[in-house]
Amino acid sequence: MRIWLGTIGEPWPTDSKNPRLLRTGVMALHYARGGDEVVWFNDTFDAPRKRHRFAIGTMLQAEPRLTLIGLHGSGYARNVSLARIRYHRQLANEFTRLAEPMQPPDAIVASMPPLELAEAMMRYGQAHNVPVVTDIRDLWPDIWVEVAPRPLWPFAKALLKPYYNSLARIVAGSSAISGVSELAVDWALSAGHRARNPFDGILPLAYEPPVLTPDEIARASAFWSAQGIVENGHDLVVCYFGVLSRRYEFEPVFRALELMSAQERSRVRIVICGAGEAEAGMRSRLDPEGRIQMPGWMDAAQIEVLKRRAHVGLLPYPSSQDYVQLLPNKVFDYLTGGLPILTSLKGNVANLVTGNGVGWLYENNDAADLKRHLVRLEEDRAGVTKAAEKCVALAARYSAKKIYDDFRARLVAIIESGRAP
């Protein structure tokens, strides 16, 4: 089967010797190594670090059956900006230009957002009689409305009407809608004003730990030991790795440590890995005692070793409409690493975490409540260990092989049904 994948903003398999791949990266390798011919349309812009991988559009043969096409645009400095909107339009135009002379695939899986690229892929499917599954990963443009003060939401929605119209066209014109949760699928179908068909449904997040060599493990282990993060240490180690976005609630993390007594602080260590627009402001808040560490962007080996040495994974996300209805990748990163989750995110994540005994929920933007949880967890190491054991059992349900094999079977059924856009 020839499959086209359209997802921007994820690491490329060629980024480093052993990059930490996300949803589409794992899917692309799984299908290519299983015998499918896979073309992945990504972008050349490294969004978390706000820099280009390549100066122009690029095509790479990552593996014998996996072709990477890097769509190129001008990039952007701020996530919420006109420059980002312009960038997404550039990528959609680049896809249309590059795809037209290529041999059409048997199926297309287009991630949304961005709306512009998802609509361009849907229109390509219509023009070439190719089934298109649009995979809902974030609730655009609803999340843009939430950036505005609540009294201005009606005006924001009116201003964003062209994007709501685009979303409706994408949903109505797709062969099927998938999403990381049933709520995400229902949200999209409602926006597209259509009933569910037999092929609409959840595509759960899946995670596949990287295969590390002894040398990579040794290098990463030495790195963390030098940082004071050691095996079987006395401190409660709480970790976060990923994008440092201004949307996330990092300020209560710094404030929670300030509320602790010196003795309480001496037994807790928080490690925040990553890069992003909030990084500079966060570094200005680092405490002189070094109880919060920010070592920067980590590779796959460093993250895997950190997960083995940490005790708790931190998920300081806002309980906004989009996050409440979705399940972020990081949840499954933590679960597969045996890390119980300490989160402020209500909705699907809170239900998963508390319902399965794999973590704890604190109140959004409440430093005192977060401080209370950190102190209690440091004192109850047996409870943390018990939650970690449940994480491993729960993670087994989210095998990448099972989830992506099931989804491939759905693609085959869509193709055989003749259900093109």
Protein backbone atom coordinates (compact mmCIF):
# COMPACT_ATOMS: atom_id res chain seq x y z
CA MET A 1 0.00 0.00 0.00
CA ARG A 2 1.18 3.54 -0.79
CA ILE A 3 0.45 5.87 2.11
CA TRP A 4 0.97 9.61 2.36
CA LEU A 5 1.22 11.14 5.83
CA GLY A 6 0.86 14.86 6.41
CA THR A 7 2.09 16.08 9.81
CA ILE A 8 4.30 19.07 10.52
CA GLY A 9 6.16 20.00 13.68
CA GLU A 10 7.42 16.52 14.56
CA PRO A 11 11.06 15.37 14.76
CA TRP A 12 12.43 13.74 11.62
CA PRO A 13 13.89 10.22 11.83
CA THR A 14 17.04 11.79 10.35
CA ASP A 15 17.37 14.55 12.96
CA SER A 16 20.04 12.64 14.85
CA LYS A 17 21.36 9.13 15.24
CA ASN A 18 18.47 8.15 17.50
CA PRO A 19 15.84 10.93 17.62
CA ARG A 20 12.83 10.81 19.91
CA LEU A 21 10.03 10.24 17.41
CA LEU A 22 6.42 11.18 18.02
CA ARG A 23 3.10 9.93 16.65
CA THR A 24 3.63 10.22 12.90
CA GLY A 25 7.32 9.36 13.07
CA VAL A 26 6.57 6.06 14.81
CA MET A 27 3.68 5.37 12.42
CA ALA A 28 5.81 6.12 9.34
CA LEU A 29 8.60 3.77 10.37
CA HIS A 30 6.16 1.04 11.42
CA TYR A 31 4.37 1.04 8.07
CA ALA A 32 7.55 1.40 5.98
CA ARG A 33 9.29 -1.44 7.79
CA GLY A 34 6.14 -3.54 7.39
CA GLY A 35 6.33 -3.27 3.60
CA ASP A 36 4.25 -0.18 2.75
CA GLU A 37 5.58 2.67 0.60
CA VAL A 38 5.35 5.73 2.84
CA VAL A 39 5.78 9.41 1.97
CA TRP A 40 5.72 11.77 4.95
CA PHE A 41 5.16 15.47 4.29
CA ASN A 42 6.71 17.26 7.28
CA ASP A 43 8.20 20.77 7.42
CA THR A 44 11.78 21.98 7.51
CA PHE A 45 11.14 24.24 10.53
CA ASP A 46 12.07 23.02 14.00
CA ALA A 47 9.20 24.72 15.83
CA PRO A 48 10.30 24.25 19.49
CA ARG A 49 13.72 25.73 18.80
CA LYS A 50 12.45 28.19 16.16
CA ARG A 51 15.07 27.33 13.56
CA HIS A 52 15.15 25.71 10.13
CA ARG A 53 16.60 22.25 9.56
CA PHE A 54 17.20 23.14 5.91
CA ALA A 55 17.28 26.42 4.01
CA ILE A 56 15.05 25.07 1.23
CA GLY A 57 12.45 22.37 0.70
CA THR A 58 14.10 18.98 1.02
CA MET A 59 13.46 15.36 0.05
CA LEU A 60 15.28 12.55 1.88
CA GLN A 61 15.16 8.78 1.59
CA ALA A 62 15.19 7.96 5.29
CA GLU A 63 14.76 4.22 4.70
CA PRO A 64 14.19 2.09 1.59
CA ARG A 65 10.40 2.51 1.84
CA LEU A 66 10.20 5.85 3.68
CA THR A 67 10.53 9.16 1.85
CA LEU A 68 10.58 12.41 3.82
CA ILE A 69 9.50 15.60 2.10
CA GLY A 70 10.26 18.79 3.99
CA LEU A 71 7.85 21.57 3.05
CA HIS A 72 9.59 24.91 3.37
CA GLY A 73 8.23 28.24 4.55
CA SER A 74 9.41 31.41 6.25
CA GLY A 75 8.97 30.13 9.83
CA TYR A 76 7.76 32.21 12.76
CA ALA A 77 9.00 33.53 16.10
CA ARG A 78 5.75 33.39 18.12
CA ASN A 79 3.22 30.57 18.17
CA VAL A 80 0.28 32.98 18.13
CA SER A 81 1.12 35.34 15.29
CA LEU A 82 0.27 36.39 11.75
CA ALA A 83 3.66 35.01 10.71
CA ARG A 84 2.54 31.53 11.73
CA ILE A 85 -0.67 31.84 9.72
CA ARG A 86 1.37 32.94 6.70
CA TYR A 87 3.74 30.02 7.24
CA HIS A 88 0.92 27.48 7.24
CA ARG A 89 -0.41 28.90 3.97
CA GLN A 90 3.05 28.59 2.47
CA LEU A 91 3.24 24.93 3.47
CA ALA A 92 -0.17 24.18 1.97
CA ASN A 93 0.86 25.80 -1.30
CA GLU A 94 4.13 23.86 -1.28
CA PHE A 95 2.30 20.58 -0.77
CA THR A 96 -0.04 21.31 -3.68
CA ARG A 97 2.88 22.21 -5.95
CA LEU A 98 5.00 19.18 -5.05
CA ALA A 99 2.22 16.58 -4.90
CA GLU A 100 0.66 17.24 -8.29
CA PRO A 101 3.33 15.51 -10.44
CA MET A 102 3.77 12.59 -8.01
CA GLN A 103 2.14 9.17 -8.33
CA PRO A 104 -1.05 9.29 -6.24
CA PRO A 105 -1.09 7.16 -3.10
CA ASP A 106 -3.69 4.60 -2.09
CA ALA A 107 -4.59 6.57 1.06
CA ILE A 108 -3.75 9.86 2.78
CA VAL A 109 -3.63 10.54 6.53
CA ALA A 110 -3.64 14.30 7.14
CA SER A 111 -3.10 15.73 10.59
CA MET A 112 -5.10 18.74 11.72
CA PRO A 113 -3.75 21.27 12.61
CA PRO A 114 -2.76 23.08 10.58
CA LEU A 115 -6.04 23.67 8.80
CA GLU A 116 -4.39 24.91 5.62
CA LEU A 117 -2.35 21.76 4.97
CA ALA A 118 -5.21 19.44 5.99
CA GLU A 119 -7.53 21.17 3.53
CA ALA A 120 -4.92 21.05 0.75
CA MET A 121 -4.52 17.29 1.28
CA MET A 122 -8.27 16.78 1.36
CA ARG A 123 -8.63 18.67 -1.92
CA TYR A 124 -5.87 16.58 -3.47
CA GLY A 125 -7.77 13.46 -2.43
CA GLN A 126 -10.95 14.77 -4.04
CA ALA A 127 -9.14 15.61 -7.27
CA HIS A 128 -7.40 12.21 -7.51
CA ASN A 129 -10.09 9.95 -6.00
CA VAL A 130 -7.84 9.07 -3.04
CA PRO A 131 -9.40 8.42 0.40
CA VAL A 132 -8.32 10.92 3.04
CA VAL A 133 -8.45 10.38 6.81
CA THR A 134 -8.15 13.65 8.73
CA ASP A 135 -6.62 13.03 12.14
CA ILE A 136 -7.68 15.58 14.78
CA ARG A 137 -4.82 16.43 17.11
CA ASP A 138 -5.84 19.85 18.33
CA LEU A 139 -9.05 21.86 18.34
CA TRP A 140 -8.25 24.64 15.86
CA PRO A 141 -9.54 27.31 15.61
CA ASP A 142 -11.27 26.99 18.99
CA ILE A 143 -7.97 27.34 20.86
CA TRP A 144 -7.35 30.71 19.20
CA VAL A 145 -10.61 32.01 20.62
CA GLU A 146 -9.42 31.15 24.14
CA VAL A 147 -6.40 33.43 23.71
CA ALA A 148 -8.77 36.42 23.76
CA PRO A 149 -10.42 37.69 26.97
CA ARG A 150 -13.70 35.82 27.56
CA PRO A 151 -15.95 38.87 26.86
CA LEU A 152 -14.39 39.09 23.39
CA TRP A 153 -14.95 35.44 22.45
CA PRO A 154 -18.02 36.15 20.25
CA PHE A 155 -16.01 38.74 18.31
CA ALA A 156 -13.05 36.37 18.03
CA LYS A 157 -15.27 33.63 16.63
CA ALA A 158 -16.70 36.06 14.08
CA LEU A 159 -13.18 37.12 13.07
CA LEU A 160 -12.15 33.48 12.71
CA LYS A 161 -15.17 32.47 10.63
CA PRO A 162 -13.01 31.69 7.54
CA TYR A 163 -11.13 29.12 9.62
CA TYR A 164 -14.33 27.58 10.97
CA ASN A 165 -15.52 27.34 7.36
CA SER A 166 -12.25 25.63 6.45
CA LEU A 167 -12.69 23.14 9.29
CA ALA A 168 -16.22 22.35 8.12
CA ARG A 169 -14.99 21.76 4.56
CA ILE A 170 -12.19 19.47 5.77
CA VAL A 171 -14.54 17.33 7.85
CA ALA A 172 -17.26 17.18 5.21
CA GLY A 173 -14.75 16.34 2.47
CA SER A 174 -12.75 13.68 4.32
CA SER A 175 -13.40 9.97 3.89
CA ALA A 176 -13.07 9.53 7.66
CA ILE A 177 -12.18 11.43 10.82
CA SER A 178 -9.86 10.04 13.46
CA GLY A 179 -8.72 11.64 16.68
CA VAL A 180 -6.80 11.04 19.87
CA SER A 181 -10.08 10.82 21.81
CA GLU A 182 -13.75 10.22 21.07
CA LEU A 183 -14.46 13.78 22.21
CA ALA A 184 -12.07 15.08 19.53
CA VAL A 185 -13.85 13.03 16.85
CA ASP A 186 -17.27 14.23 18.03
CA TRP A 187 -16.04 17.84 18.11
CA ALA A 188 -14.86 17.61 14.50
CA LEU A 189 -18.01 15.92 13.22
CA SER A 190 -20.11 18.59 14.89
CA ALA A 191 -18.00 21.30 13.26
CA GLY A 192 -18.43 19.59 9.88
CA HIS A 193 -22.18 19.15 10.38
CA ARG A 194 -22.16 15.50 9.45
CA ALA A 195 -23.09 12.22 11.10
CA ARG A 196 -20.53 9.60 12.05
CA ASN A 197 -19.74 7.01 9.39
CA PRO A 198 -18.41 3.46 10.01
CA PHE A 199 -14.80 4.58 9.52
CA ASP A 200 -14.81 7.55 11.90
CA GLY A 201 -13.26 6.82 15.27
CA ILE A 202 -10.46 7.13 17.73
CA LEU A 203 -6.82 6.62 16.77
CA PRO A 204 -5.24 6.27 20.22
CA LEU A 205 -1.83 7.64 20.94
CA ALA A 206 0.85 5.00 20.91
CA TYR A 207 4.44 5.04 22.02
CA GLU A 208 7.41 2.92 21.10
CA PRO A 209 10.54 3.30 23.24
CA PRO A 210 13.69 3.89 21.20
CA VAL A 211 16.22 1.11 20.83
CA LEU A 212 19.37 2.35 22.55
CA THR A 213 22.89 1.01 22.26
CA PRO A 214 24.99 0.41 25.39
CA ASP A 215 27.18 3.35 24.38
CA GLU A 216 24.16 5.68 24.13
CA ILE A 217 22.90 4.56 27.52
CA ALA A 218 26.34 5.00 29.06
CA ARG A 219 26.69 8.50 27.60
CA ALA A 220 23.25 9.57 28.80
CA SER A 221 23.82 7.99 32.22
CA ALA A 222 27.08 9.90 32.64
CA PHE A 223 25.33 13.13 31.64
CA TRP A 224 22.63 12.77 34.29
CA SER A 225 25.05 11.65 36.98
CA ALA A 226 27.02 14.83 36.33
CA GLN A 227 23.76 16.76 36.82
CA GLY A 228 23.21 15.07 40.19
CA ILE A 229 20.36 12.87 38.91
CA VAL A 230 21.57 9.47 40.01
CA GLU A 231 20.10 5.98 40.28
CA ASN A 232 18.42 5.26 43.61
CA GLY A 233 19.06 8.79 44.85
CA HIS A 234 17.41 10.20 47.95
CA ASP A 235 15.57 13.10 46.27
CA LEU A 236 12.10 12.84 44.80
CA VAL A 237 12.86 13.59 41.12
CA VAL A 238 10.00 15.13 39.14
CA CYS A 239 10.64 15.56 35.42
CA TYR A 240 9.17 17.28 32.37
CA PHE A 241 10.48 17.09 28.82
CA GLY A 242 9.04 18.79 25.77
CA VAL A 243 8.08 22.20 24.46
CA LEU A 244 8.31 25.11 26.88
CA SER A 245 5.16 26.93 25.81
CA ARG A 246 3.70 30.05 27.35
CA ARG A 247 0.36 28.24 27.40
CA TYR A 248 1.67 25.79 29.99
CA GLU A 249 1.50 26.57 33.69
CA PHE A 250 5.14 26.55 34.73
CA GLU A 251 4.98 29.55 37.09
CA PRO A 252 3.17 27.55 39.84
CA VAL A 253 6.01 25.02 39.69
CA PHE A 254 8.57 27.67 40.63
CA ARG A 255 6.23 29.19 43.17
CA ALA A 256 5.52 25.79 44.79
CA LEU A 257 9.19 25.36 45.67
CA GLU A 258 9.31 28.87 47.09
CA LEU A 259 6.44 27.95 49.42
CA MET A 260 8.32 24.94 50.80
CA SER A 261 10.48 25.05 53.86
CA ALA A 262 14.22 24.66 53.33
CA GLN A 263 13.99 21.09 54.62
CA GLU A 264 11.13 20.21 52.26
CA ARG A 265 12.95 21.74 49.27
CA SER A 266 16.12 19.78 50.04
CA ARG A 267 14.30 16.50 49.28
CA VAL A 268 12.69 17.49 45.95
CA ARG A 269 14.36 18.02 42.58
CA ILE A 270 12.48 19.15 39.46
CA VAL A 271 14.08 18.66 36.03
CA ILE A 272 12.54 20.60 33.13
CA CYS A 273 13.96 19.64 29.73
CA GLY A 274 13.15 21.32 26.45
CA ALA A 275 13.07 24.59 24.56
CA GLY A 276 10.45 27.11 23.54
CA GLU A 277 9.14 30.62 23.82
CA ALA A 278 8.75 30.45 27.63
CA GLU A 279 12.33 29.30 28.21
CA ALA A 280 13.99 32.67 28.84
CA GLY A 281 11.41 33.72 31.41
CA MET A 282 11.65 30.36 33.16
CA ARG A 283 15.42 30.53 33.40
CA SER A 284 15.13 33.89 35.12
CA ARG A 285 13.12 32.12 37.85
CA LEU A 286 15.66 29.37 38.59
CA ASP A 287 16.42 29.08 42.30
CA PRO A 288 19.99 29.49 43.55
CA GLU A 289 19.75 26.15 45.38
CA GLY A 290 19.40 24.34 42.06
CA ARG A 291 16.28 22.45 43.09
CA ILE A 292 14.85 23.21 39.63
CA GLN A 293 17.16 22.31 36.75
CA MET A 294 16.80 23.22 33.08
CA PRO A 295 19.43 21.31 31.08
CA GLY A 296 17.96 22.24 27.69
CA TRP A 297 16.79 20.08 24.80
CA MET A 298 17.55 16.41 25.38
CA ASP A 299 17.97 13.58 22.87
CA ALA A 300 16.16 10.24 23.00
CA ALA A 301 18.80 8.49 25.11
CA GLN A 302 18.94 11.29 27.66
CA ILE A 303 15.16 11.28 28.00
CA GLU A 304 14.97 7.51 28.41
CA VAL A 305 17.64 7.49 31.13
CA LEU A 306 15.95 10.43 32.87
CA LYS A 307 12.66 8.49 32.92
CA ARG A 308 14.45 5.58 34.57
CA ARG A 309 15.93 7.80 37.27
CA ALA A 310 12.93 10.06 37.91
CA HIS A 311 9.94 9.17 40.06
CA VAL A 312 7.12 11.38 38.74
CA GLY A 313 6.24 12.99 35.39
CA LEU A 314 4.91 16.56 35.50
CA LEU A 315 2.10 17.71 33.18
CA PRO A 316 1.42 21.39 34.00
CA TYR A 317 -1.17 22.00 31.27
CA PRO A 318 -4.09 24.44 31.40
CA SER A 319 -7.59 22.96 31.56
CA SER A 320 -8.59 24.74 28.37
CA GLN A 321 -11.18 23.32 26.00
CA ASP A 322 -8.68 21.73 23.64
CA TYR A 323 -6.52 20.04 26.29
CA VAL A 324 -9.52 18.88 28.34
CA GLN A 325 -10.84 16.94 25.33
CA LEU A 326 -7.51 15.51 24.16
CA LEU A 327 -4.81 13.17 25.42
CA PRO A 328 -1.34 14.68 24.93
CA ASN A 329 1.60 12.56 23.77
CA LYS A 330 3.36 13.19 27.05
CA VAL A 331 0.83 11.11 28.98
CA PHE A 332 1.97 8.01 27.11
CA ASP A 333 5.63 9.01 27.29
CA TYR A 334 5.31 8.98 31.06
CA LEU A 335 3.22 5.82 31.30
CA THR A 336 5.58 3.74 29.16
CA GLY A 337 8.47 5.02 31.27
CA GLY A 338 6.74 3.87 34.45
CA LEU A 339 6.33 7.47 35.62
CA PRO A 340 3.17 8.34 37.57
CA ILE A 341 1.73 11.64 36.39
CA LEU A 342 1.28 14.78 38.47
CA THR A 343 -1.01 17.04 36.46
CA SER A 344 -3.28 20.05 36.59
CA LEU A 345 -5.12 18.99 33.43
CA LYS A 346 -8.76 18.07 33.94
CA GLY A 347 -10.96 16.14 31.52
CA ASN A 348 -9.72 13.05 29.67
CA VAL A 349 -6.27 13.13 31.27
CA ALA A 350 -7.60 13.51 34.82
CA ASN A 351 -10.03 10.64 34.25
CA LEU A 352 -7.28 8.40 32.90
CA VAL A 353 -4.80 9.28 35.65
CA THR A 354 -7.06 9.15 38.68
CA GLY A 355 -9.32 6.39 37.35
CA ASN A 356 -6.37 4.03 36.90
CA GLY A 357 -4.38 5.07 39.95
CA VAL A 358 -1.42 6.25 37.87
CA GLY A 359 -1.09 9.78 39.20
CA TRP A 360 -2.51 12.77 41.00
CA LEU A 361 -4.43 15.91 40.09
CA TYR A 362 -3.69 19.37 41.49
CA GLU A 363 -5.60 22.58 40.83
CA ASN A 364 -4.71 24.77 37.87
CA ASN A 365 -2.43 27.69 38.74
CA ASP A 366 -2.48 26.72 42.42
CA ALA A 367 1.09 26.69 43.71
CA ALA A 368 0.00 25.84 47.25
CA ASP A 369 -1.87 22.75 46.07
CA LEU A 370 1.07 21.66 43.93
CA LYS A 371 3.41 22.18 46.89
CA ARG A 372 1.13 20.03 49.06
CA HIS A 373 1.25 17.19 46.53
CA LEU A 374 5.03 17.37 46.13
CA VAL A 375 5.61 17.22 49.88
CA ARG A 376 3.16 14.33 50.28
CA LEU A 377 4.69 12.35 47.41
CA GLU A 378 8.18 12.80 48.82
CA GLU A 379 6.95 11.37 52.12
CA ASP A 380 4.99 8.51 50.50
CA ARG A 381 7.56 6.80 48.28
CA ALA A 382 5.73 3.49 48.63
CA GLY A 383 2.63 5.10 47.12
CA VAL A 384 4.71 6.48 44.24
CA THR A 385 6.18 3.04 43.59
CA LYS A 386 2.72 1.45 43.60
CA ALA A 387 1.48 4.02 41.07
CA ALA A 388 4.55 3.35 38.90
CA GLU A 389 3.69 -0.34 38.74
CA LYS A 390 0.18 0.52 37.55
CA CYS A 391 1.69 2.77 34.85
CA VAL A 392 3.50 -0.16 33.29
CA ALA A 393 0.32 -2.26 33.23
CA LEU A 394 -1.73 0.56 31.69
CA ALA A 395 0.92 1.38 29.07
CA ALA A 396 0.72 -2.18 27.74
CA ARG A 397 -2.69 -1.28 26.28
CA TYR A 398 -1.09 1.31 24.02
CA SER A 399 1.30 -0.85 22.02
CA ALA A 400 2.33 0.98 18.84
CA LYS A 401 2.20 -2.26 16.86
CA LYS A 402 -1.39 -3.05 17.85
CA ILE A 403 -2.71 0.49 17.44
CA TYR A 404 -1.06 1.15 14.08
CA ASP A 405 -1.87 -2.31 12.71
CA ASP A 406 -5.52 -1.74 13.63
CA PHE A 407 -5.47 1.68 11.97
CA ARG A 408 -3.88 0.23 8.83
CA ALA A 409 -6.72 -2.29 8.68
CA ARG A 410 -9.13 0.64 8.82
CA LEU A 411 -7.31 2.30 5.90
CA VAL A 412 -7.58 -0.92 3.88
CA ALA A 413 -11.31 -1.11 4.62
CA ILE A 414 -11.79 2.51 3.52
CA ILE A 415 -9.91 1.84 0.27
CA GLU A 416 -11.89 -1.33 -0.45
CA SER A 417 -15.16 0.47 0.24
CA GLY A 418 -14.33 2.99 -2.47
CA ARG A 419 -14.94 5.79 -0.02
CA ALA A 420 -12.96 8.66 -1.51
CA PRO A 421 -13.72 12.29 -0.60
